[in-house]
Amino acid sequence: MSSRIDRRTRWQKLLAEQQASGLSIVDWCWRQGIKEHSFYSWQRKLAAPVLPAEPRWLAVLPDAAAPASGLTLRVGHIAVEVVPGFDPRLLAEVLTVLESRC
């Protein structure tokens, strides 16, 4: 794992050096003896967000504007409100339909 971090750190430094040099990527890579395709590959990798190795739980906090006695489930542009006295069978049917379309 540390060798991957070491390579990532090394390439972050190299990309910064190229940018600070004022040289084109082609010229800078030639002077450094670095293959252009490696430079571009690392440039893409480092521009992408780093995702955690393992999934993590996301805290779900209640909506301050929602009444304390109900619940609103939002997925994209779809919102399902569950209020006291709801019909559990109806909610199950709605969730089944939503699940089949997601």
N, C-alpha and C. Protein backbone atom coordinates (compact mmCIF):
# COMPACT_ATOMS: atom_id res chain seq x y z
N MET A 1 0.83 -1.19 0.00
CA MET A 1 0.00 0.00 0.00
C MET A 1 0.86 1.25 0.00
N SER A 2 1.94 1.24 0.78
CA SER A 2 2.77 2.44 0.86
C SER A 2 3.47 2.73 -0.46
N SER A 3 3.76 1.68 -1.24
CA SER A 3 4.40 1.93 -2.54
C SER A 3 3.43 2.65 -3.48
N ARG A 4 2.12 2.35 -3.36
CA ARG A 4 1.13 3.05 -4.17
C ARG A 4 1.04 4.50 -3.74
N ILE A 5 1.08 4.75 -2.46
CA ILE A 5 1.05 6.12 -1.94
C ILE A 5 2.31 6.86 -2.35
N ASP A 6 3.46 6.17 -2.29
CA ASP A 6 4.73 6.79 -2.70
C ASP A 6 4.70 7.20 -4.17
N ARG A 7 4.17 6.31 -5.03
CA ARG A 7 4.09 6.64 -6.46
C ARG A 7 3.14 7.81 -6.68
N ARG A 8 2.02 7.79 -5.98
CA ARG A 8 1.04 8.88 -6.13
C ARG A 8 1.68 10.20 -5.71
N THR A 9 2.38 10.21 -4.59
CA THR A 9 3.05 11.42 -4.11
C THR A 9 4.12 11.88 -5.09
N ARG A 10 4.88 10.93 -5.62
CA ARG A 10 5.94 11.26 -6.59
C ARG A 10 5.33 11.92 -7.82
N TRP A 11 4.25 11.34 -8.34
CA TRP A 11 3.64 11.90 -9.55
C TRP A 11 2.95 13.24 -9.28
N GLN A 12 2.42 13.43 -8.11
CA GLN A 12 1.85 14.74 -7.77
C GLN A 12 2.95 15.80 -7.84
N LYS A 13 4.12 15.44 -7.31
CA LYS A 13 5.26 16.35 -7.33
C LYS A 13 5.72 16.61 -8.77
N LEU A 14 5.80 15.55 -9.59
CA LEU A 14 6.23 15.72 -10.98
C LEU A 14 5.26 16.59 -11.77
N LEU A 15 3.97 16.39 -11.59
CA LEU A 15 2.98 17.20 -12.30
C LEU A 15 3.10 18.67 -11.90
N ALA A 16 3.34 18.91 -10.62
CA ALA A 16 3.52 20.29 -10.15
C ALA A 16 4.78 20.90 -10.74
N GLU A 17 5.86 20.12 -10.82
CA GLU A 17 7.11 20.61 -11.39
C GLU A 17 6.92 20.98 -12.86
N GLN A 18 6.21 20.14 -13.59
CA GLN A 18 5.98 20.44 -15.01
C GLN A 18 5.19 21.73 -15.15
N GLN A 19 4.16 21.87 -14.36
CA GLN A 19 3.33 23.07 -14.45
C GLN A 19 4.14 24.32 -14.11
N ALA A 20 4.98 24.22 -13.10
CA ALA A 20 5.79 25.37 -12.68
C ALA A 20 6.93 25.67 -13.66
N SER A 21 7.30 24.69 -14.48
CA SER A 21 8.44 24.87 -15.38
C SER A 21 8.16 25.84 -16.53
N GLY A 22 6.89 25.96 -16.90
CA GLY A 22 6.55 26.80 -18.04
C GLY A 22 6.77 26.10 -19.38
N LEU A 23 7.29 24.88 -19.34
CA LEU A 23 7.51 24.11 -20.57
C LEU A 23 6.24 23.37 -20.95
N SER A 24 6.15 23.03 -22.23
CA SER A 24 5.04 22.18 -22.65
C SER A 24 5.26 20.80 -22.04
N ILE A 25 4.20 20.03 -21.98
CA ILE A 25 4.31 18.68 -21.43
C ILE A 25 5.30 17.85 -22.25
N VAL A 26 5.23 17.97 -23.56
CA VAL A 26 6.12 17.22 -24.45
C VAL A 26 7.58 17.56 -24.15
N ASP A 27 7.91 18.85 -24.10
CA ASP A 27 9.30 19.27 -23.84
C ASP A 27 9.74 18.86 -22.44
N TRP A 28 8.89 19.07 -21.47
CA TRP A 28 9.26 18.74 -20.09
C TRP A 28 9.51 17.24 -19.94
N CYS A 29 8.61 16.42 -20.50
CA CYS A 29 8.79 14.97 -20.41
C CYS A 29 10.08 14.53 -21.11
N TRP A 30 10.37 15.11 -22.27
CA TRP A 30 11.59 14.76 -22.99
C TRP A 30 12.82 15.08 -22.14
N ARG A 31 12.84 16.27 -21.52
CA ARG A 31 13.99 16.67 -20.70
C ARG A 31 14.14 15.81 -19.45
N GLN A 32 13.02 15.33 -18.93
CA GLN A 32 13.06 14.51 -17.71
C GLN A 32 13.22 13.01 -17.99
N GLY A 33 13.10 12.65 -19.27
CA GLY A 33 13.19 11.23 -19.63
C GLY A 33 11.94 10.46 -19.21
N ILE A 34 10.81 11.13 -19.23
CA ILE A 34 9.54 10.52 -18.84
C ILE A 34 8.69 10.32 -20.09
N LYS A 35 8.06 9.17 -20.19
CA LYS A 35 7.19 8.90 -21.34
C LYS A 35 5.92 9.72 -21.21
N GLU A 36 5.54 10.35 -22.31
CA GLU A 36 4.35 11.22 -22.30
C GLU A 36 3.10 10.47 -21.88
N HIS A 37 2.95 9.23 -22.36
CA HIS A 37 1.73 8.49 -22.02
C HIS A 37 1.66 8.24 -20.51
N SER A 38 2.80 8.05 -19.86
CA SER A 38 2.80 7.89 -18.40
C SER A 38 2.37 9.19 -17.72
N PHE A 39 2.89 10.30 -18.23
CA PHE A 39 2.53 11.60 -17.66
C PHE A 39 1.03 11.83 -17.76
N TYR A 40 0.47 11.62 -18.97
CA TYR A 40 -0.96 11.85 -19.18
C TYR A 40 -1.81 10.88 -18.36
N SER A 41 -1.35 9.66 -18.24
CA SER A 41 -2.08 8.66 -17.44
C SER A 41 -2.17 9.10 -15.98
N TRP A 42 -1.03 9.55 -15.43
CA TRP A 42 -1.04 10.01 -14.03
C TRP A 42 -1.81 11.31 -13.88
N GLN A 43 -1.79 12.14 -14.88
CA GLN A 43 -2.56 13.38 -14.83
C GLN A 43 -4.05 13.07 -14.70
N ARG A 44 -4.51 12.08 -15.47
CA ARG A 44 -5.92 11.66 -15.39
C ARG A 44 -6.23 11.03 -14.03
N LYS A 45 -5.34 10.14 -13.58
CA LYS A 45 -5.57 9.47 -12.29
C LYS A 45 -5.67 10.47 -11.15
N LEU A 46 -4.78 11.44 -11.15
CA LEU A 46 -4.75 12.39 -10.04
C LEU A 46 -5.86 13.42 -10.13
N ALA A 47 -6.44 13.60 -11.30
CA ALA A 47 -7.56 14.53 -11.45
C ALA A 47 -8.85 13.88 -10.96
N ALA A 48 -8.92 12.54 -10.98
CA ALA A 48 -10.12 11.83 -10.55
C ALA A 48 -10.18 11.82 -9.03
N PRO A 49 -11.38 11.89 -8.48
CA PRO A 49 -11.49 11.84 -7.02
C PRO A 49 -11.03 10.49 -6.49
N VAL A 50 -10.40 10.51 -5.35
CA VAL A 50 -9.92 9.29 -4.72
C VAL A 50 -11.07 8.71 -3.89
N LEU A 51 -11.47 7.50 -4.22
CA LEU A 51 -12.56 6.86 -3.50
C LEU A 51 -11.99 6.00 -2.38
N PRO A 52 -12.71 5.90 -1.27
CA PRO A 52 -12.21 5.05 -0.19
C PRO A 52 -12.17 3.59 -0.64
N ALA A 53 -11.25 2.84 -0.09
CA ALA A 53 -11.09 1.44 -0.46
C ALA A 53 -12.31 0.62 -0.07
N GLU A 54 -12.96 0.97 1.02
CA GLU A 54 -14.13 0.25 1.49
C GLU A 54 -15.31 1.20 1.55
N PRO A 55 -16.52 0.69 1.31
CA PRO A 55 -17.69 1.57 1.43
C PRO A 55 -17.84 2.05 2.87
N ARG A 56 -18.38 3.21 3.02
CA ARG A 56 -18.58 3.77 4.36
C ARG A 56 -20.05 4.13 4.54
N TRP A 57 -20.50 4.09 5.75
CA TRP A 57 -21.88 4.46 6.05
C TRP A 57 -22.02 5.97 5.98
N LEU A 58 -23.15 6.39 5.51
CA LEU A 58 -23.45 7.81 5.42
C LEU A 58 -24.51 8.13 6.45
N ALA A 59 -24.25 9.12 7.28
CA ALA A 59 -25.22 9.52 8.29
C ALA A 59 -26.41 10.18 7.61
N VAL A 60 -27.60 9.81 8.04
CA VAL A 60 -28.82 10.43 7.53
C VAL A 60 -29.41 11.26 8.65
N LEU A 61 -29.45 12.56 8.42
CA LEU A 61 -29.95 13.47 9.43
C LEU A 61 -31.35 13.92 9.07
N PRO A 62 -32.20 14.12 10.06
CA PRO A 62 -33.55 14.56 9.76
C PRO A 62 -33.56 15.95 9.15
N ASP A 63 -34.50 16.18 8.26
CA ASP A 63 -34.69 17.48 7.63
C ASP A 63 -35.29 18.42 8.67
N ALA A 64 -34.63 19.54 8.93
CA ALA A 64 -35.09 20.47 9.96
C ALA A 64 -36.47 21.04 9.62
N ALA A 65 -36.80 21.13 8.34
CA ALA A 65 -38.09 21.70 7.94
C ALA A 65 -39.22 20.68 8.02
N ALA A 66 -38.90 19.39 8.08
CA ALA A 66 -39.93 18.36 8.11
C ALA A 66 -40.51 18.23 9.51
N PRO A 67 -41.80 17.94 9.58
CA PRO A 67 -42.40 17.76 10.90
C PRO A 67 -41.79 16.55 11.60
N ALA A 68 -41.62 16.63 12.90
CA ALA A 68 -40.98 15.57 13.67
C ALA A 68 -41.79 14.28 13.65
N SER A 69 -43.05 14.35 13.28
CA SER A 69 -43.90 13.17 13.32
C SER A 69 -43.95 12.42 12.00
N GLY A 70 -43.21 12.87 11.00
CA GLY A 70 -43.23 12.20 9.70
C GLY A 70 -41.85 11.96 9.16
N LEU A 71 -41.81 11.37 7.98
CA LEU A 71 -40.54 11.04 7.35
C LEU A 71 -40.68 11.27 5.85
N THR A 72 -39.65 11.88 5.24
CA THR A 72 -39.63 12.04 3.79
C THR A 72 -38.40 11.34 3.25
N LEU A 73 -38.63 10.40 2.34
CA LEU A 73 -37.54 9.70 1.67
C LEU A 73 -37.33 10.35 0.31
N ARG A 74 -36.10 10.78 0.02
CA ARG A 74 -35.80 11.41 -1.26
C ARG A 74 -34.70 10.63 -1.97
N VAL A 75 -34.97 10.30 -3.23
CA VAL A 75 -33.99 9.66 -4.09
C VAL A 75 -34.07 10.39 -5.42
N GLY A 76 -33.03 11.18 -5.73
CA GLY A 76 -33.05 11.98 -6.94
C GLY A 76 -34.19 12.98 -6.86
N HIS A 77 -35.05 12.98 -7.86
CA HIS A 77 -36.17 13.92 -7.87
C HIS A 77 -37.45 13.31 -7.29
N ILE A 78 -37.36 12.10 -6.77
CA ILE A 78 -38.53 11.42 -6.20
C ILE A 78 -38.53 11.60 -4.69
N ALA A 79 -39.70 11.95 -4.14
CA ALA A 79 -39.86 12.09 -2.70
C ALA A 79 -41.08 11.30 -2.26
N VAL A 80 -40.93 10.53 -1.20
CA VAL A 80 -42.03 9.76 -0.63
C VAL A 80 -42.20 10.22 0.81
N GLU A 81 -43.38 10.73 1.14
CA GLU A 81 -43.65 11.18 2.51
C GLU A 81 -44.40 10.08 3.26
N VAL A 82 -43.90 9.79 4.44
CA VAL A 82 -44.54 8.82 5.32
C VAL A 82 -44.96 9.57 6.57
N VAL A 83 -46.25 9.58 6.83
CA VAL A 83 -46.79 10.34 7.98
C VAL A 83 -47.45 9.37 8.95
N PRO A 84 -47.65 9.78 10.18
CA PRO A 84 -48.34 8.91 11.13
C PRO A 84 -49.69 8.46 10.56
N GLY A 85 -49.99 7.18 10.75
CA GLY A 85 -51.23 6.63 10.25
C GLY A 85 -51.14 6.16 8.81
N PHE A 86 -49.90 6.09 8.24
CA PHE A 86 -49.74 5.66 6.85
C PHE A 86 -50.19 4.21 6.68
N ASP A 87 -50.49 3.85 5.44
CA ASP A 87 -50.90 2.49 5.09
C ASP A 87 -49.64 1.70 4.74
N PRO A 88 -49.20 0.78 5.60
CA PRO A 88 -47.97 0.03 5.34
C PRO A 88 -48.02 -0.75 4.01
N ARG A 89 -49.18 -1.27 3.65
CA ARG A 89 -49.31 -2.02 2.41
C ARG A 89 -49.09 -1.10 1.20
N LEU A 90 -49.65 0.09 1.26
CA LEU A 90 -49.46 1.05 0.18
C LEU A 90 -47.99 1.45 0.06
N LEU A 91 -47.34 1.71 1.19
CA LEU A 91 -45.92 2.06 1.16
C LEU A 91 -45.10 0.92 0.54
N ALA A 92 -45.39 -0.34 0.92
CA ALA A 92 -44.68 -1.49 0.36
C ALA A 92 -44.87 -1.56 -1.15
N GLU A 93 -46.08 -1.29 -1.62
CA GLU A 93 -46.34 -1.32 -3.06
C GLU A 93 -45.57 -0.21 -3.78
N VAL A 94 -45.56 0.98 -3.21
CA VAL A 94 -44.82 2.10 -3.81
C VAL A 94 -43.33 1.78 -3.88
N LEU A 95 -42.78 1.25 -2.78
CA LEU A 95 -41.36 0.92 -2.77
C LEU A 95 -41.03 -0.18 -3.76
N THR A 96 -41.94 -1.15 -3.93
CA THR A 96 -41.72 -2.22 -4.91
C THR A 96 -41.67 -1.65 -6.32
N VAL A 97 -42.56 -0.74 -6.64
CA VAL A 97 -42.55 -0.10 -7.96
C VAL A 97 -41.27 0.70 -8.16
N LEU A 98 -40.89 1.49 -7.16
CA LEU A 98 -39.66 2.28 -7.27
C LEU A 98 -38.44 1.39 -7.42
N GLU A 99 -38.40 0.32 -6.66
CA GLU A 99 -37.25 -0.60 -6.72
C GLU A 99 -37.13 -1.22 -8.11
N SER A 100 -38.23 -1.54 -8.73
CA SER A 100 -38.18 -2.18 -10.04
C SER A 100 -37.71 -1.21 -11.12
N ARG A 101 -37.80 0.09 -10.88
CA ARG A 101 -37.40 1.09 -11.87
C ARG A 101 -36.01 1.66 -11.63
N CYS A 102 -35.41 1.38 -10.50
CA CYS A 102 -34.08 1.94 -10.18
C CYS A 102 -32.99 0.96 -10.53
